[in-house]
């Protein structure tokens, strides 16, 4: 199940980025102006968050611990994405 969720998420991310790039090309905007690093990192963090959530919900531990572990993992992933976004803007 986890592999299926990850595969569908990656396909949606790639199709979304391709759609944004095609719209930018049609409007005469440079693709790098539309596909910034933070947009790509946001998509990847959403996919990893979904995979982490699915992983924790399939574990054999009580439900409150699953929810708390998923929230903590999501906070860590959001922090990492924010940190990488700030590092990308400095370059």
PDB file of N, CA and C in Angstrom:
ATOM      1  N   UNK A   1       0.814  -1.199   0.000  1.00  0.00           N
ATOM      2  CA  UNK A   1       0.000   0.000   0.000  1.00  0.00           C
ATOM      3  C   UNK A   1       0.860   1.266   0.000  1.00  0.00           C
ATOM      4  N   UNK A   2       1.927   1.229   0.789  1.00  0.00           N
ATOM      5  CA  UNK A   2       2.795   2.399   0.877  1.00  0.00           C
ATOM      6  C   UNK A   2       3.462   2.700  -0.465  1.00  0.00           C
ATOM      7  N   UNK A   3       3.866   1.665  -1.178  1.00  0.00           N
ATOM      8  CA  UNK A   3       4.482   1.871  -2.481  1.00  0.00           C
ATOM      9  C   UNK A   3       3.480   2.462  -3.473  1.00  0.00           C
ATOM     10  N   UNK A   4       2.244   2.025  -3.375  1.00  0.00           N
ATOM     11  CA  UNK A   4       1.191   2.551  -4.253  1.00  0.00           C
ATOM     12  C   UNK A   4       0.956   4.035  -3.992  1.00  0.00           C
ATOM     13  N   UNK A   5       0.887   4.410  -2.717  1.00  0.00           N
ATOM     14  CA  UNK A   5       0.674   5.820  -2.356  1.00  0.00           C
ATOM     15  C   UNK A   5       1.834   6.666  -2.845  1.00  0.00           C
ATOM     16  N   UNK A   6       3.067   6.176  -2.650  1.00  0.00           N
ATOM     17  CA  UNK A   6       4.240   6.928  -3.087  1.00  0.00           C
ATOM     18  C   UNK A   6       4.265   7.069  -4.608  1.00  0.00           C
ATOM     19  N   UNK A   7       3.938   6.021  -5.314  1.00  0.00           N
ATOM     20  CA  UNK A   7       3.940   6.063  -6.776  1.00  0.00           C
ATOM     21  C   UNK A   7       2.895   7.038  -7.310  1.00  0.00           C
ATOM     22  N   UNK A   8       1.702   6.976  -6.777  1.00  0.00           N
ATOM     23  CA  UNK A   8       0.645   7.894  -7.204  1.00  0.00           C
ATOM     24  C   UNK A   8       1.033   9.334  -6.871  1.00  0.00           C
ATOM     25  N   UNK A   9       1.616   9.551  -5.696  1.00  0.00           N
ATOM     26  CA  UNK A   9       2.047  10.893  -5.313  1.00  0.00           C
ATOM     27  C   UNK A   9       3.110  11.454  -6.233  1.00  0.00           C
ATOM     28  N   UNK A  10       4.081  10.638  -6.591  1.00  0.00           N
ATOM     29  CA  UNK A  10       5.148  11.087  -7.487  1.00  0.00           C
ATOM     30  C   UNK A  10       4.592  11.377  -8.883  1.00  0.00           C
ATOM     31  N   UNK A  11       3.681  10.539  -9.358  1.00  0.00           N
ATOM     32  CA  UNK A  11       3.076  10.776 -10.668  1.00  0.00           C
ATOM     33  C   UNK A  11       2.298  12.089 -10.664  1.00  0.00           C
ATOM     34  N   UNK A  12       1.528  12.343  -9.600  1.00  0.00           N
ATOM     35  CA  UNK A  12       0.776  13.591  -9.505  1.00  0.00           C
ATOM     36  C   UNK A  12       1.723  14.777  -9.446  1.00  0.00           C
ATOM     37  N   UNK A  13       2.823  14.653  -8.698  1.00  0.00           N
ATOM     38  CA  UNK A  13       3.796  15.746  -8.607  1.00  0.00           C
ATOM     39  C   UNK A  13       4.421  16.049  -9.965  1.00  0.00           C
ATOM     40  N   UNK A  14       4.834  15.027 -10.687  1.00  0.00           N
ATOM     41  CA  UNK A  14       5.465  15.224 -11.995  1.00  0.00           C
ATOM     42  C   UNK A  14       4.460  15.820 -12.988  1.00  0.00           C
ATOM     43  N   UNK A  15       3.237  15.321 -12.982  1.00  0.00           N
ATOM     44  CA  UNK A  15       2.221  15.867 -13.883  1.00  0.00           C
ATOM     45  C   UNK A  15       1.890  17.320 -13.536  1.00  0.00           C
ATOM     46  N   UNK A  16       1.841  17.638 -12.253  1.00  0.00           N
ATOM     47  CA  UNK A  16       1.582  19.016 -11.840  1.00  0.00           C
ATOM     48  C   UNK A  16       2.701  19.959 -12.258  1.00  0.00           C
ATOM     49  N   UNK A  17       3.952  19.513 -12.104  1.00  0.00           N
ATOM     50  CA  UNK A  17       5.086  20.338 -12.526  1.00  0.00           C
ATOM     51  C   UNK A  17       5.116  20.502 -14.043  1.00  0.00           C
ATOM     52  N   UNK A  18       4.800  19.428 -14.767  1.00  0.00           N
ATOM     53  CA  UNK A  18       4.754  19.523 -16.227  1.00  0.00           C
ATOM     54  C   UNK A  18       3.642  20.466 -16.678  1.00  0.00           C
ATOM     55  N   UNK A  19       2.513  20.431 -15.987  1.00  0.00           N
ATOM     56  CA  UNK A  19       1.409  21.338 -16.320  1.00  0.00           C
ATOM     57  C   UNK A  19       1.816  22.793 -16.083  1.00  0.00           C
ATOM     58  N   UNK A  20       2.446  23.061 -14.941  1.00  0.00           N
ATOM     59  CA  UNK A  20       2.897  24.431 -14.650  1.00  0.00           C
ATOM     60  C   UNK A  20       3.907  24.904 -15.688  1.00  0.00           C
ATOM     61  N   UNK A  21       4.821  24.006 -16.100  1.00  0.00           N
ATOM     62  CA  UNK A  21       5.822  24.373 -17.106  1.00  0.00           C
ATOM     63  C   UNK A  21       5.169  24.638 -18.463  1.00  0.00           C
ATOM     64  N   UNK A  22       4.173  23.837 -18.842  1.00  0.00           N
ATOM     65  CA  UNK A  22       3.521  24.054 -20.140  1.00  0.00           C
ATOM     66  C   UNK A  22       2.720  25.352 -20.148  1.00  0.00           C
ATOM     67  N   UNK A  23       2.075  25.676 -19.052  1.00  0.00           N
ATOM     68  CA  UNK A  23       1.333  26.940 -18.951  1.00  0.00           C
ATOM     69  C   UNK A  23       2.311  28.116 -19.034  1.00  0.00           C
ATOM     70  N   UNK A  24       3.455  27.998 -18.367  1.00  0.00           N
ATOM     71  CA  UNK A  24       4.442  29.079 -18.403  1.00  0.00           C
ATOM     72  C   UNK A  24       4.991  29.263 -19.810  1.00  0.00           C
ATOM     73  N   UNK A  25       5.264  28.158 -20.489  1.00  0.00           N
ATOM     74  CA  UNK A  25       5.800  28.245 -21.846  1.00  0.00           C
ATOM     75  C   UNK A  25       4.780  28.871 -22.796  1.00  0.00           C
ATOM     76  N   UNK A  26       3.501  28.522 -22.598  1.00  0.00           N
ATOM     77  CA  UNK A  26       2.447  29.068 -23.441  1.00  0.00           C
ATOM     78  C   UNK A  26       2.285  30.576 -23.217  1.00  0.00           C
ATOM     79  N   UNK A  27       2.453  31.011 -21.975  1.00  0.00           N
ATOM     80  CA  UNK A  27       2.301  32.431 -21.651  1.00  0.00           C
ATOM     81  C   UNK A  27       3.569  33.238 -21.897  1.00  0.00           C
ATOM     82  N   UNK A  28       4.658  32.590 -22.269  1.00  0.00           N
ATOM     83  CA  UNK A  28       5.902  33.291 -22.547  1.00  0.00           C
ATOM     84  C   UNK A  28       6.730  33.600 -21.312  1.00  0.00           C
ATOM     85  N   UNK A  29       6.463  32.920 -20.219  1.00  0.00           N
ATOM     86  CA  UNK A  29       7.223  33.109 -18.980  1.00  0.00           C
ATOM     87  C   UNK A  29       8.311  32.037 -18.935  1.00  0.00           C
ATOM     88  N   UNK A  30       9.460  32.402 -18.379  1.00  0.00           N
ATOM     89  CA  UNK A  30      10.515  31.407 -18.247  1.00  0.00           C
ATOM     90  C   UNK A  30      10.092  30.332 -17.251  1.00  0.00           C
ATOM     91  N   UNK A  31      10.464  29.107 -17.549  1.00  0.00           N
ATOM     92  CA  UNK A  31      10.038  27.979 -16.735  1.00  0.00           C
ATOM     93  C   UNK A  31      10.622  28.070 -15.326  1.00  0.00           C
ATOM     94  N   UNK A  32      11.841  28.555 -15.194  1.00  0.00           N
ATOM     95  CA  UNK A  32      12.446  28.616 -13.854  1.00  0.00           C
ATOM     96  C   UNK A  32      11.750  29.632 -12.960  1.00  0.00           C
ATOM     97  N   UNK A  33      11.019  30.579 -13.536  1.00  0.00           N
ATOM     98  CA  UNK A  33      10.242  31.512 -12.718  1.00  0.00           C
ATOM     99  C   UNK A  33       9.006  30.837 -12.132  1.00  0.00           C
ATOM    100  N   UNK A  34       8.498  29.828 -12.816  1.00  0.00           N
ATOM    101  CA  UNK A  34       7.299  29.134 -12.361  1.00  0.00           C
ATOM    102  C   UNK A  34       7.658  27.954 -11.459  1.00  0.00           C
ATOM    103  N   UNK A  35       8.708  27.226 -11.800  1.00  0.00           N
ATOM    104  CA  UNK A  35       9.103  26.047 -11.041  1.00  0.00           C
ATOM    105  C   UNK A  35      10.263  26.397 -10.102  1.00  0.00           C
ATOM    106  N   UNK A  36       9.954  27.118  -9.059  1.00  0.00           N
ATOM    107  CA  UNK A  36      10.975  27.455  -8.073  1.00  0.00           C
ATOM    108  C   UNK A  36      11.309  26.236  -7.223  1.00  0.00           C
ATOM    109  N   UNK A  37      12.420  26.313  -6.526  1.00  0.00           N
ATOM    110  CA  UNK A  37      12.845  25.207  -5.677  1.00  0.00           C
ATOM    111  C   UNK A  37      11.835  24.937  -4.575  1.00  0.00           C
ATOM    112  N   UNK A  38      11.238  25.984  -4.025  1.00  0.00           N
ATOM    113  CA  UNK A  38      10.311  25.756  -2.919  1.00  0.00           C
ATOM    114  C   UNK A  38       9.034  25.061  -3.377  1.00  0.00           C
ATOM    115  N   UNK A  39       8.642  25.226  -4.618  1.00  0.00           N
ATOM    116  CA  UNK A  39       7.460  24.520  -5.115  1.00  0.00           C
ATOM    117  C   UNK A  39       7.753  23.025  -5.233  1.00  0.00           C
ATOM    118  N   UNK A  40       8.926  22.697  -5.749  1.00  0.00           N
ATOM    119  CA  UNK A  40       9.316  21.293  -5.876  1.00  0.00           C
ATOM    120  C   UNK A  40       9.487  20.659  -4.502  1.00  0.00           C
ATOM    121  N   UNK A  41      10.125  21.376  -3.578  1.00  0.00           N
ATOM    122  CA  UNK A  41      10.324  20.849  -2.225  1.00  0.00           C
ATOM    123  C   UNK A  41       8.990  20.697  -1.495  1.00  0.00           C
ATOM    124  N   UNK A  42       8.063  21.613  -1.732  1.00  0.00           N
ATOM    125  CA  UNK A  42       6.744  21.498  -1.117  1.00  0.00           C
ATOM    126  C   UNK A  42       6.051  20.225  -1.591  1.00  0.00           C
ATOM    127  N   UNK A  43       6.120  19.951  -2.879  1.00  0.00           N
ATOM    128  CA  UNK A  43       5.523  18.728  -3.413  1.00  0.00           C
ATOM    129  C   UNK A  43       6.165  17.478  -2.843  1.00  0.00           C
ATOM    130  N   UNK A  44       7.493  17.485  -2.767  1.00  0.00           N
ATOM    131  CA  UNK A  44       8.186  16.324  -2.200  1.00  0.00           C
ATOM    132  C   UNK A  44       7.874  16.147  -0.722  1.00  0.00           C
ATOM    133  N   UNK A  45       7.772  17.241   0.010  1.00  0.00           N
ATOM    134  CA  UNK A  45       7.459  17.113   1.437  1.00  0.00           C
ATOM    135  C   UNK A  45       6.031  16.616   1.640  1.00  0.00           C
ATOM    136  N   UNK A  46       5.118  16.991   0.758  1.00  0.00           N
ATOM    137  CA  UNK A  46       3.751  16.459   0.842  1.00  0.00           C
ATOM    138  C   UNK A  46       3.735  14.955   0.602  1.00  0.00           C
ATOM    139  N   UNK A  47       4.493  14.501  -0.371  1.00  0.00           N
ATOM    140  CA  UNK A  47       4.545  13.066  -0.666  1.00  0.00           C
ATOM    141  C   UNK A  47       5.177  12.308   0.489  1.00  0.00           C
ATOM    142  N   UNK A  48       6.304  12.807   1.021  1.00  0.00           N
ATOM    143  CA  UNK A  48       6.937  12.106   2.132  1.00  0.00           C
ATOM    144  C   UNK A  48       6.072  12.142   3.380  1.00  0.00           C
ATOM    145  N   UNK A  49       5.355  13.237   3.590  1.00  0.00           N
ATOM    146  CA  UNK A  49       4.438  13.295   4.724  1.00  0.00           C
ATOM    147  C   UNK A  49       3.323  12.275   4.595  1.00  0.00           C
ATOM    148  N   UNK A  50       2.787  12.119   3.400  1.00  0.00           N
ATOM    149  CA  UNK A  50       1.745  11.137   3.166  1.00  0.00           C
ATOM    150  C   UNK A  50       2.268   9.719   3.365  1.00  0.00           C
ATOM    151  N   UNK A  51       3.477   9.460   2.879  1.00  0.00           N
ATOM    152  CA  UNK A  51       4.075   8.128   3.071  1.00  0.00           C
ATOM    153  C   UNK A  51       4.344   7.848   4.541  1.00  0.00           C
ATOM    154  N   UNK A  52       4.817   8.846   5.266  1.00  0.00           N
ATOM    155  CA  UNK A  52       5.067   8.679   6.696  1.00  0.00           C
ATOM    156  C   UNK A  52       3.768   8.418   7.442  1.00  0.00           C
ATOM    157  N   UNK A  53       2.735   9.174   7.103  1.00  0.00           N
ATOM    158  CA  UNK A  53       1.435   8.984   7.733  1.00  0.00           C
ATOM    159  C   UNK A  53       0.913   7.570   7.472  1.00  0.00           C
ATOM    160  N   UNK A  54       1.013   7.107   6.240  1.00  0.00           N
ATOM    161  CA  UNK A  54       0.565   5.756   5.896  1.00  0.00           C
ATOM    162  C   UNK A  54       1.378   4.707   6.628  1.00  0.00           C
ATOM    163  N   UNK A  55       2.687   4.916   6.722  1.00  0.00           N
ATOM    164  CA  UNK A  55       3.552   3.969   7.416  1.00  0.00           C
ATOM    165  C   UNK A  55       3.170   3.850   8.886  1.00  0.00           C
ATOM    166  N   UNK A  56       2.945   4.982   9.537  1.00  0.00           N
ATOM    167  CA  UNK A  56       2.628   4.932  10.962  1.00  0.00           C
ATOM    168  C   UNK A  56       1.238   4.349  11.218  1.00  0.00           C
ATOM    169  N   UNK A  57       0.310   4.555  10.311  1.00  0.00           N
ATOM    170  CA  UNK A  57      -1.019   3.998  10.517  1.00  0.00           C
ATOM    171  C   UNK A  57      -1.058   2.488  10.307  1.00  0.00           C
ATOM    172  N   UNK A  58      -0.067   1.921   9.623  1.00  0.00           N
ATOM    173  CA  UNK A  58      -0.043   0.475   9.428  1.00  0.00           C
ATOM    174  C   UNK A  58       0.704  -0.257  10.537  1.00  0.00           C
ATOM    175  N   UNK A  59       1.280   0.464  11.483  1.00  0.00           N
ATOM    176  CA  UNK A  59       2.022  -0.171  12.575  1.00  0.00           C
ATOM    177  C   UNK A  59       1.058  -0.732  13.621  1.00  0.00           C
ATOM    178  N   UNK A  60       1.529  -1.723  14.387  1.00  0.00           N
ATOM    179  CA  UNK A  60       0.710  -2.343  15.427  1.00  0.00           C
ATOM    180  C   UNK A  60       0.953  -1.675  16.777  1.00  0.00           C
ATOM    181  N   UNK A  61       0.603  -0.423  16.887  1.00  0.00           N
ATOM    182  CA  UNK A  61       0.668   0.295  18.159  1.00  0.00           C
ATOM    183  C   UNK A  61      -0.676   0.989  18.357  1.00  0.00           C
ATOM    184  N   UNK A  62      -0.988   1.357  19.582  1.00  0.00           N
ATOM    185  CA  UNK A  62      -2.292   2.012  19.816  1.00  0.00           C
ATOM    186  C   UNK A  62      -2.457   3.281  18.971  1.00  0.00           C
ATOM    187  N   UNK A  63      -3.681   3.567  18.628  1.00  0.00           N
ATOM    188  CA  UNK A  63      -4.001   4.670  17.723  1.00  0.00           C
ATOM    189  C   UNK A  63      -3.498   6.038  18.194  1.00  0.00           C
ATOM    190  N   UNK A  64      -3.594   6.414  19.470  1.00  0.00           N
ATOM    191  CA  UNK A  64      -3.075   7.739  19.874  1.00  0.00           C
ATOM    192  C   UNK A  64      -1.575   7.892  19.618  1.00  0.00           C
ATOM    193  N   UNK A  65      -0.826   6.827  19.821  1.00  0.00           N
ATOM    194  CA  UNK A  65       0.608   6.890  19.547  1.00  0.00           C
ATOM    195  C   UNK A  65       0.877   7.045  18.055  1.00  0.00           C
ATOM    196  N   UNK A  66       0.053   6.404  17.229  1.00  0.00           N
ATOM    197  CA  UNK A  66       0.192   6.568  15.779  1.00  0.00           C
ATOM    198  C   UNK A  66      -0.049   8.016  15.371  1.00  0.00           C
ATOM    199  N   UNK A  67      -1.082   8.610  15.930  1.00  0.00           N
ATOM    200  CA  UNK A  67      -1.415   9.984  15.572  1.00  0.00           C
ATOM    201  C   UNK A  67      -0.323  10.939  16.032  1.00  0.00           C
ATOM    202  N   UNK A  68       0.149  10.771  17.254  1.00  0.00           N
ATOM    203  CA  UNK A  68       1.210  11.646  17.773  1.00  0.00           C
ATOM    204  C   UNK A  68       2.489  11.483  16.956  1.00  0.00           C
ATOM    205  N   UNK A  69       2.849  10.245  16.630  1.00  0.00           N
ATOM    206  CA  UNK A  69       4.062  10.012  15.835  1.00  0.00           C
ATOM    207  C   UNK A  69       3.922  10.625  14.440  1.00  0.00           C
ATOM    208  N   UNK A  70       2.732  10.550  13.842  1.00  0.00           N
ATOM    209  CA  UNK A  70       2.514  11.146  12.523  1.00  0.00           C
ATOM    210  C   UNK A  70       2.619  12.666  12.580  1.00  0.00           C
ATOM    211  N   UNK A  71       2.084  13.269  13.634  1.00  0.00           N
ATOM    212  CA  UNK A  71       2.156  14.722  13.767  1.00  0.00           C
ATOM    213  C   UNK A  71       3.595  15.170  13.951  1.00  0.00           C
ATOM    214  N   UNK A  72       4.342  14.466  14.781  1.00  0.00           N
ATOM    215  CA  UNK A  72       5.754  14.826  15.008  1.00  0.00           C
ATOM    216  C   UNK A  72       6.560  14.650  13.732  1.00  0.00           C
ATOM    217  N   UNK A  73       6.344  13.546  13.021  1.00  0.00           N
ATOM    218  CA  UNK A  73       7.063  13.335  11.760  1.00  0.00           C
ATOM    219  C   UNK A  73       6.705  14.414  10.743  1.00  0.00           C
ATOM    220  N   UNK A  74       5.448  14.813  10.690  1.00  0.00           N
ATOM    221  CA  UNK A  74       5.037  15.881   9.781  1.00  0.00           C
ATOM    222  C   UNK A  74       5.694  17.201  10.133  1.00  0.00           C
ATOM    223  N   UNK A  75       5.795  17.509  11.427  1.00  0.00           N
ATOM    224  CA  UNK A  75       6.448  18.748  11.843  1.00  0.00           C
ATOM    225  C   UNK A  75       7.920  18.745  11.456  1.00  0.00           C
ATOM    226  N   UNK A  76       8.571  17.613  11.615  1.00  0.00           N
ATOM    227  CA  UNK A  76       9.988  17.506  11.243  1.00  0.00           C
ATOM    228  C   UNK A  76      10.156  17.703   9.740  1.00  0.00           C
ATOM    229  N   UNK A  77       9.287  17.083   8.941  1.00  0.00           N
ATOM    230  CA  UNK A  77       9.378  17.228   7.492  1.00  0.00           C
ATOM    231  C   UNK A  77       9.092  18.655   7.042  1.00  0.00           C
ATOM    232  N   UNK A  78       8.150  19.321   7.702  1.00  0.00           N
ATOM    233  CA  UNK A  78       7.868  20.716   7.363  1.00  0.00           C
ATOM    234  C   UNK A  78       9.064  21.594   7.710  1.00  0.00           C
ATOM    235  N   UNK A  79       9.694  21.337   8.855  1.00  0.00           N
ATOM    236  CA  UNK A  79      10.873  22.102   9.237  1.00  0.00           C
ATOM    237  C   UNK A  79      12.002  21.917   8.223  1.00  0.00           C
ATOM    238  N   UNK A  80      12.231  20.680   7.793  1.00  0.00           N
ATOM    239  CA  UNK A  80      13.294  20.406   6.817  1.00  0.00           C
ATOM    240  C   UNK A  80      12.976  21.097   5.485  1.00  0.00           C
ATOM    241  N   UNK A  81      11.717  21.034   5.044  1.00  0.00           N
ATOM    242  CA  UNK A  81      11.343  21.696   3.785  1.00  0.00           C
ATOM    243  C   UNK A  81      11.519  23.206   3.884  1.00  0.00           C
ATOM    244  N   UNK A  82      11.158  23.788   5.014  1.00  0.00           N
ATOM    245  CA  UNK A  82      11.320  25.226   5.217  1.00  0.00           C
ATOM    246  C   UNK A  82      12.795  25.605   5.221  1.00  0.00           C
ATOM    247  N   UNK A  83      13.603  24.811   5.876  1.00  0.00           N
ATOM    248  CA  UNK A  83      15.042  25.068   5.946  1.00  0.00           C
ATOM    249  C   UNK A  83      15.669  24.984   4.553  1.00  0.00           C
ATOM    250  N   UNK A  84      15.266  23.973   3.768  1.00  0.00           N
ATOM    251  CA  UNK A  84      15.807  23.825   2.419  1.00  0.00           C
ATOM    252  C   UNK A  84      15.311  24.943   1.506  1.00  0.00           C
ATOM    253  N   UNK A  85      14.091  25.408   1.725  1.00  0.00           N
ATOM    254  CA  UNK A  85      13.559  26.509   0.922  1.00  0.00           C
ATOM    255  C   UNK A  85      14.348  27.780   1.205  1.00  0.00           C
ATOM    256  N   UNK A  86      14.642  28.053   2.446  1.00  0.00           N
ATOM    257  CA  UNK A  86      15.431  29.244   2.786  1.00  0.00           C
ATOM    258  C   UNK A  86      16.850  29.133   2.230  1.00  0.00           C
ATOM    259  N   UNK A  87      17.418  27.933   2.261  1.00  0.00           N
ATOM    260  CA  UNK A  87      18.765  27.739   1.727  1.00  0.00           C
ATOM    261  C   UNK A  87      18.759  27.915   0.210  1.00  0.00           C
ATOM    262  N   UNK A  88      17.677  27.525  -0.462  1.00  0.00           N
ATOM    263  CA  UNK A  88      17.579  27.681  -1.910  1.00  0.00           C
ATOM    264  C   UNK A  88      17.411  29.122  -2.345  1.00  0.00           C
ATOM    265  N   UNK A  89      16.770  29.932  -1.536  1.00  0.00           N
ATOM    266  CA  UNK A  89      16.567  31.332  -1.883  1.00  0.00           C
ATOM    267  C   UNK A  89      17.860  32.135  -1.751  1.00  0.00           C
ATOM    268  N   UNK A  90      18.787  31.711  -0.906  1.00  0.00           N
ATOM    269  CA  UNK A  90      20.031  32.426  -0.713  1.00  0.00           C
ATOM    270  C   UNK A  90      20.978  32.247  -1.887  1.00  0.00           C
ATOM    271  N   UNK A  91      20.818  31.167  -2.634  1.00  0.00           N
ATOM    272  CA  UNK A  91      21.739  30.877  -3.735  1.00  0.00           C
ATOM    273  C   UNK A  91      21.535  31.762  -4.912  1.00  0.00           C
TER     274      UNK A  91
END
